[in-house]
Protein backbone atom coordinates (compact mmCIF):
# COMPACT_ATOMS: atom_id res chain seq x y z
CA UNK A 1 -46.14 -329.63 158.91
CA UNK A 2 -46.56 -325.97 159.68
CA UNK A 3 -43.19 -324.65 160.84
CA UNK A 4 -40.72 -325.51 158.13
CA UNK A 5 -37.08 -324.71 158.68
CA UNK A 6 -34.46 -324.52 155.96
CA UNK A 7 -33.23 -328.09 156.51
CA UNK A 8 -36.75 -329.48 156.20
CA UNK A 9 -37.31 -327.49 153.03
CA UNK A 10 -34.08 -328.69 151.46
CA UNK A 11 -34.98 -332.30 152.28
CA UNK A 12 -38.33 -331.90 150.51
CA UNK A 13 -37.30 -329.50 147.72
CA UNK A 14 -37.14 -332.08 144.92
CA UNK A 15 -40.48 -333.57 145.89
CA UNK A 16 -41.91 -330.04 145.97
CA UNK A 17 -40.49 -329.20 142.54
CA UNK A 18 -41.76 -332.51 141.15
CA UNK A 19 -45.26 -331.87 142.50
CA UNK A 20 -45.02 -334.93 144.74
CA UNK A 21 -46.20 -333.33 147.99
CA UNK A 22 -49.68 -332.91 149.41
CA UNK A 23 -51.39 -329.56 148.88
CA UNK A 24 -50.97 -328.46 152.50
CA UNK A 25 -47.25 -329.25 152.52
CA UNK A 26 -46.89 -327.57 149.13
CA UNK A 27 -48.37 -324.35 150.52
CA UNK A 28 -46.07 -324.43 153.57
CA UNK A 29 -42.99 -325.05 151.44
CA UNK A 30 -43.99 -322.35 148.98
CA UNK A 31 -44.52 -319.87 151.84
CA UNK A 32 -41.10 -320.68 153.29
CA UNK A 33 -39.44 -320.15 149.91
CA UNK A 34 -41.26 -316.85 149.52
CA UNK A 35 -39.93 -315.57 152.85
CA UNK A 36 -36.43 -317.12 153.02
CA UNK A 37 -33.94 -315.62 150.60
CA UNK A 38 -31.45 -318.49 150.98
CA UNK A 39 -34.04 -321.15 150.22
CA UNK A 40 -35.45 -319.06 147.37
CA UNK A 41 -31.99 -318.91 145.78
CA UNK A 42 -31.59 -322.66 146.21
CA UNK A 43 -35.01 -323.40 144.72
CA UNK A 44 -34.40 -320.99 141.83
CA UNK A 45 -31.07 -322.69 141.15
CA UNK A 46 -32.69 -326.14 141.07
CA UNK A 47 -35.44 -324.94 138.73
CA UNK A 48 -32.90 -323.32 136.39
CA UNK A 49 -30.66 -326.40 136.46
CA UNK A 50 -33.59 -328.61 135.49
CA UNK A 51 -34.45 -326.25 132.64
CA UNK A 52 -30.88 -326.36 131.34
CA UNK A 53 -30.73 -330.15 131.56
CA UNK A 54 -34.06 -330.49 129.73
CA UNK A 55 -32.97 -328.06 127.02
CA UNK A 56 -29.60 -329.74 126.52
CA UNK A 57 -30.92 -333.30 126.56
CA UNK A 58 -34.02 -332.78 124.46
CA UNK A 59 -34.22 -335.16 121.55
CA UNK A 60 -31.13 -337.15 122.45
CA UNK A 61 -31.38 -340.82 123.23
CA UNK A 62 -28.99 -342.55 125.58
CA UNK A 63 -26.59 -344.93 123.85
CA UNK A 64 -27.79 -348.53 123.69
CA UNK A 65 -24.92 -349.75 125.87
CA UNK A 66 -25.83 -347.28 128.63
CA UNK A 67 -29.50 -348.27 128.46
CA UNK A 68 -28.56 -351.96 128.67
CA UNK A 69 -26.32 -351.34 131.68
CA UNK A 70 -29.06 -349.36 133.43
CA UNK A 71 -31.54 -352.17 132.79
CA UNK A 72 -29.08 -354.66 134.22
CA UNK A 73 -28.44 -352.53 137.30
CA UNK A 74 -32.15 -351.90 137.87
CA UNK A 75 -33.10 -355.52 137.34
CA UNK A 76 -34.78 -355.02 133.96
CA UNK A 77 -37.46 -352.84 135.51
CA UNK A 78 -37.19 -350.20 132.76
């Protein structure tokens, strides 16, 4: 994966931000973001959104009913 276009980057952005890509792919994605203003804005937005969600949800626990429903939907794999 050497020539990354914007669509390819957007498909892999979450994996990139989560650190779930191989080192070579990470470098290619990072280089694309560094040189593409549109993708940089998108990546910056995603990073900021994650920061806001983490800050707003810190210390709060999901209600028991929601956790039970999620367990049911996921087949008790939680």
